[in-house]
């Protein structure tokens, strides 16, 4: 993956990491996928993560990447394995 697509994936992955580790236990990604819906043409991008489901071992997150006009640029979905180890 090259160019801006790699940067968009990295932004979504960062939001995924922050959200999944927000419970103060180590969360390890076991799956991640992204769909690019619209080209990003300059400006600022934003990533918002939402926890879709969580249980003691697994958690799933949806991340929306949007531009300054709130257009959806990409949709990212990720699942983590939740360890008991504290951060």
N, C-alpha and C. Protein backbone atom coordinates (compact mmCIF):
# COMPACT_ATOMS: atom_id res chain seq x y z
N UNK A 1 0.86 -1.16 0.00
CA UNK A 1 0.00 0.00 0.00
C UNK A 1 0.91 1.23 0.00
N UNK A 2 0.68 2.12 -0.90
CA UNK A 2 1.55 3.28 -1.00
C UNK A 2 0.72 4.55 -1.05
N UNK A 3 1.42 5.66 -0.97
CA UNK A 3 0.77 6.95 -1.10
C UNK A 3 -0.17 7.25 0.04
N UNK A 4 -1.21 8.05 -0.24
CA UNK A 4 -2.12 8.48 0.82
C UNK A 4 -2.92 7.33 1.43
N UNK A 5 -3.07 6.23 0.70
CA UNK A 5 -3.85 5.12 1.25
C UNK A 5 -3.16 4.52 2.47
N UNK A 6 -1.86 4.45 2.45
CA UNK A 6 -1.11 3.96 3.61
C UNK A 6 -1.28 4.88 4.80
N UNK A 7 -1.29 6.18 4.55
CA UNK A 7 -1.48 7.15 5.63
C UNK A 7 -2.88 7.06 6.21
N UNK A 8 -3.88 6.86 5.36
CA UNK A 8 -5.27 6.73 5.83
C UNK A 8 -5.42 5.46 6.66
N UNK A 9 -4.84 4.36 6.20
CA UNK A 9 -4.89 3.12 6.97
C UNK A 9 -4.21 3.33 8.33
N UNK A 10 -3.06 4.00 8.34
CA UNK A 10 -2.33 4.24 9.59
C UNK A 10 -3.15 5.09 10.56
N UNK A 11 -3.85 6.09 10.05
CA UNK A 11 -4.71 6.92 10.91
C UNK A 11 -5.82 6.08 11.52
N UNK A 12 -6.48 5.26 10.71
CA UNK A 12 -7.55 4.40 11.22
C UNK A 12 -7.00 3.38 12.22
N UNK A 13 -5.83 2.82 11.92
CA UNK A 13 -5.22 1.83 12.81
C UNK A 13 -4.84 2.46 14.15
N UNK A 14 -4.40 3.70 14.14
CA UNK A 14 -4.08 4.40 15.39
C UNK A 14 -5.33 4.58 16.24
N UNK A 15 -6.44 5.00 15.62
CA UNK A 15 -7.70 5.14 16.37
C UNK A 15 -8.15 3.79 16.92
N UNK A 16 -7.97 2.74 16.15
CA UNK A 16 -8.29 1.37 16.57
C UNK A 16 -7.45 0.99 17.79
N UNK A 17 -6.16 1.27 17.75
CA UNK A 17 -5.26 0.93 18.86
C UNK A 17 -5.64 1.69 20.13
N UNK A 18 -5.90 2.97 19.99
CA UNK A 18 -6.27 3.78 21.16
C UNK A 18 -7.57 3.27 21.78
N UNK A 19 -8.58 3.03 20.94
CA UNK A 19 -9.87 2.57 21.46
C UNK A 19 -9.76 1.19 22.10
N UNK A 20 -9.07 0.28 21.44
CA UNK A 20 -9.02 -1.10 21.94
C UNK A 20 -8.17 -1.25 23.19
N UNK A 21 -7.23 -0.34 23.40
CA UNK A 21 -6.40 -0.40 24.61
C UNK A 21 -6.90 0.55 25.70
N UNK A 22 -8.05 1.17 25.50
CA UNK A 22 -8.57 2.15 26.46
C UNK A 22 -9.09 1.51 27.75
N UNK A 23 -9.22 0.19 27.77
CA UNK A 23 -9.68 -0.49 28.98
C UNK A 23 -8.53 -0.84 29.92
N UNK A 24 -7.34 -0.36 29.56
CA UNK A 24 -6.13 -0.51 30.38
C UNK A 24 -5.64 -1.96 30.48
N UNK A 25 -6.03 -2.77 29.50
CA UNK A 25 -5.46 -4.11 29.35
C UNK A 25 -4.94 -4.21 27.91
N UNK A 26 -3.95 -5.07 27.72
CA UNK A 26 -3.34 -5.21 26.40
C UNK A 26 -4.33 -5.83 25.43
N UNK A 27 -4.47 -5.20 24.26
CA UNK A 27 -5.34 -5.70 23.20
C UNK A 27 -4.47 -5.88 21.94
N UNK A 28 -4.52 -7.07 21.37
CA UNK A 28 -3.71 -7.39 20.19
C UNK A 28 -4.61 -7.60 18.98
N UNK A 29 -4.34 -6.89 17.91
CA UNK A 29 -5.16 -7.01 16.70
C UNK A 29 -5.05 -8.43 16.12
N UNK A 30 -6.20 -9.01 15.81
CA UNK A 30 -6.21 -10.32 15.14
C UNK A 30 -6.85 -10.21 13.76
N UNK A 31 -7.47 -9.07 13.47
CA UNK A 31 -8.04 -8.85 12.15
C UNK A 31 -8.22 -7.36 11.94
N UNK A 32 -7.96 -6.91 10.73
CA UNK A 32 -8.20 -5.51 10.36
C UNK A 32 -8.46 -5.44 8.87
N UNK A 33 -9.47 -4.66 8.50
CA UNK A 33 -9.74 -4.46 7.08
C UNK A 33 -10.22 -3.03 6.88
N UNK A 34 -10.02 -2.53 5.65
CA UNK A 34 -10.42 -1.17 5.35
C UNK A 34 -11.02 -1.12 3.96
N UNK A 35 -12.02 -0.28 3.80
CA UNK A 35 -12.62 0.00 2.49
C UNK A 35 -12.44 1.49 2.23
N UNK A 36 -11.80 1.82 1.12
CA UNK A 36 -11.61 3.21 0.73
C UNK A 36 -12.80 3.61 -0.14
N UNK A 37 -13.55 4.63 0.29
CA UNK A 37 -14.79 5.00 -0.38
C UNK A 37 -14.67 6.25 -1.24
N UNK A 38 -13.72 7.11 -0.90
CA UNK A 38 -13.59 8.38 -1.62
C UNK A 38 -12.14 8.83 -1.53
N UNK A 39 -11.67 9.45 -2.58
CA UNK A 39 -10.30 9.96 -2.56
C UNK A 39 -10.20 11.14 -1.60
N UNK A 40 -9.12 11.19 -0.86
CA UNK A 40 -8.85 12.33 0.01
C UNK A 40 -8.05 13.33 -0.80
N UNK A 41 -8.53 14.56 -0.84
CA UNK A 41 -7.85 15.57 -1.66
C UNK A 41 -7.46 16.77 -0.81
N UNK A 42 -6.46 16.57 0.03
CA UNK A 42 -5.98 17.65 0.88
C UNK A 42 -6.86 17.85 2.10
N UNK A 43 -6.47 18.79 2.93
CA UNK A 43 -7.24 19.07 4.13
C UNK A 43 -6.91 18.11 5.26
N UNK A 44 -7.70 18.20 6.31
CA UNK A 44 -7.50 17.40 7.51
C UNK A 44 -8.43 16.20 7.50
N UNK A 45 -7.90 15.06 7.92
CA UNK A 45 -8.72 13.86 8.06
C UNK A 45 -8.90 13.55 9.54
N UNK A 46 -10.04 12.96 9.86
CA UNK A 46 -10.38 12.61 11.24
C UNK A 46 -10.75 11.13 11.30
N UNK A 47 -10.41 10.48 12.39
CA UNK A 47 -10.79 9.08 12.59
C UNK A 47 -11.54 8.96 13.91
N UNK A 48 -12.69 8.32 13.86
CA UNK A 48 -13.50 8.10 15.06
C UNK A 48 -13.75 6.61 15.21
N UNK A 49 -13.40 6.07 16.37
CA UNK A 49 -13.57 4.64 16.64
C UNK A 49 -14.78 4.43 17.54
N UNK A 50 -15.54 3.39 17.22
CA UNK A 50 -16.68 2.99 18.06
C UNK A 50 -16.54 1.52 18.40
N UNK A 51 -16.73 1.21 19.66
CA UNK A 51 -16.68 -0.17 20.12
C UNK A 51 -18.03 -0.82 19.77
N UNK A 52 -17.98 -1.86 18.95
CA UNK A 52 -19.20 -2.53 18.49
C UNK A 52 -19.58 -3.65 19.44
N UNK A 53 -18.59 -4.43 19.87
CA UNK A 53 -18.86 -5.50 20.83
C UNK A 53 -17.61 -5.76 21.65
N UNK A 54 -17.83 -6.23 22.87
CA UNK A 54 -16.70 -6.54 23.75
C UNK A 54 -17.11 -7.67 24.68
N UNK A 55 -16.16 -8.57 24.90
CA UNK A 55 -16.31 -9.61 25.92
C UNK A 55 -14.93 -9.84 26.52
N UNK A 56 -14.77 -10.72 27.47
CA UNK A 56 -13.46 -10.85 28.12
C UNK A 56 -12.30 -11.19 27.18
N UNK A 57 -12.55 -11.82 26.05
CA UNK A 57 -11.45 -12.24 25.17
C UNK A 57 -11.37 -11.46 23.86
N UNK A 58 -12.48 -11.01 23.31
CA UNK A 58 -12.51 -10.36 22.00
C UNK A 58 -13.27 -9.04 22.06
N UNK A 59 -12.87 -8.13 21.18
CA UNK A 59 -13.61 -6.88 21.02
C UNK A 59 -13.52 -6.47 19.55
N UNK A 60 -14.59 -5.85 19.06
CA UNK A 60 -14.67 -5.42 17.67
C UNK A 60 -14.94 -3.93 17.61
N UNK A 61 -14.29 -3.26 16.65
CA UNK A 61 -14.38 -1.81 16.51
C UNK A 61 -14.64 -1.42 15.07
N UNK A 62 -15.44 -0.37 14.88
CA UNK A 62 -15.63 0.26 13.59
C UNK A 62 -14.98 1.64 13.66
N UNK A 63 -14.22 1.98 12.64
CA UNK A 63 -13.56 3.29 12.59
C UNK A 63 -13.97 3.97 11.29
N UNK A 64 -14.44 5.20 11.41
CA UNK A 64 -14.79 6.01 10.23
C UNK A 64 -13.71 7.07 10.05
N UNK A 65 -13.21 7.17 8.85
CA UNK A 65 -12.27 8.24 8.51
C UNK A 65 -13.04 9.24 7.65
N UNK A 66 -13.07 10.48 8.11
CA UNK A 66 -13.81 11.53 7.40
C UNK A 66 -12.91 12.72 7.10
N UNK A 67 -13.37 13.57 6.20
CA UNK A 67 -12.64 14.81 5.90
C UNK A 67 -13.31 15.98 6.61
N UNK A 68 -12.83 17.18 6.31
CA UNK A 68 -13.34 18.38 6.98
C UNK A 68 -14.82 18.63 6.68
N UNK A 69 -15.32 18.10 5.56
CA UNK A 69 -16.73 18.26 5.19
C UNK A 69 -17.59 17.11 5.72
N UNK A 70 -17.01 16.25 6.54
CA UNK A 70 -17.67 15.08 7.12
C UNK A 70 -18.03 14.02 6.08
N UNK A 71 -17.36 14.07 4.92
CA UNK A 71 -17.52 13.01 3.92
C UNK A 71 -16.75 11.79 4.41
N UNK A 72 -17.33 10.61 4.24
CA UNK A 72 -16.64 9.38 4.65
C UNK A 72 -15.61 9.02 3.59
N UNK A 73 -14.36 8.98 4.01
CA UNK A 73 -13.24 8.64 3.13
C UNK A 73 -12.96 7.14 3.17
N UNK A 74 -13.05 6.55 4.36
CA UNK A 74 -12.77 5.12 4.51
C UNK A 74 -13.50 4.57 5.72
N UNK A 75 -13.79 3.27 5.66
CA UNK A 75 -14.37 2.54 6.78
C UNK A 75 -13.43 1.39 7.13
N UNK A 76 -13.07 1.31 8.40
CA UNK A 76 -12.11 0.33 8.90
C UNK A 76 -12.83 -0.52 9.94
N UNK A 77 -12.57 -1.81 9.92
CA UNK A 77 -13.14 -2.71 10.93
C UNK A 77 -12.01 -3.53 11.50
N UNK A 78 -11.96 -3.65 12.82
CA UNK A 78 -10.90 -4.41 13.46
C UNK A 78 -11.39 -5.20 14.65
N UNK A 79 -10.73 -6.33 14.89
CA UNK A 79 -11.02 -7.18 16.03
C UNK A 79 -9.74 -7.40 16.81
N UNK A 80 -9.83 -7.38 18.12
CA UNK A 80 -8.67 -7.60 18.99
C UNK A 80 -8.91 -8.78 19.91
N UNK A 81 -7.80 -9.40 20.28
CA UNK A 81 -7.77 -10.39 21.37
C UNK A 81 -7.38 -9.61 22.61
N UNK A 82 -8.17 -9.74 23.68
CA UNK A 82 -7.94 -8.98 24.90
C UNK A 82 -7.21 -9.85 25.92
N UNK A 83 -5.98 -9.47 26.22
CA UNK A 83 -5.22 -10.18 27.25
C UNK A 83 -5.60 -9.65 28.63
N UNK A 84 -5.29 -10.39 29.65
CA UNK A 84 -5.56 -9.95 31.02
C UNK A 84 -4.46 -9.03 31.55
N UNK A 85 -3.33 -8.98 30.85
CA UNK A 85 -2.19 -8.16 31.29
C UNK A 85 -2.56 -6.67 31.26
N UNK A 86 -2.20 -5.98 32.31
CA UNK A 86 -2.45 -4.54 32.39
C UNK A 86 -1.41 -3.78 31.53
N UNK A 87 -1.83 -2.63 31.06
CA UNK A 87 -0.91 -1.77 30.29
C UNK A 87 -0.03 -1.01 31.26
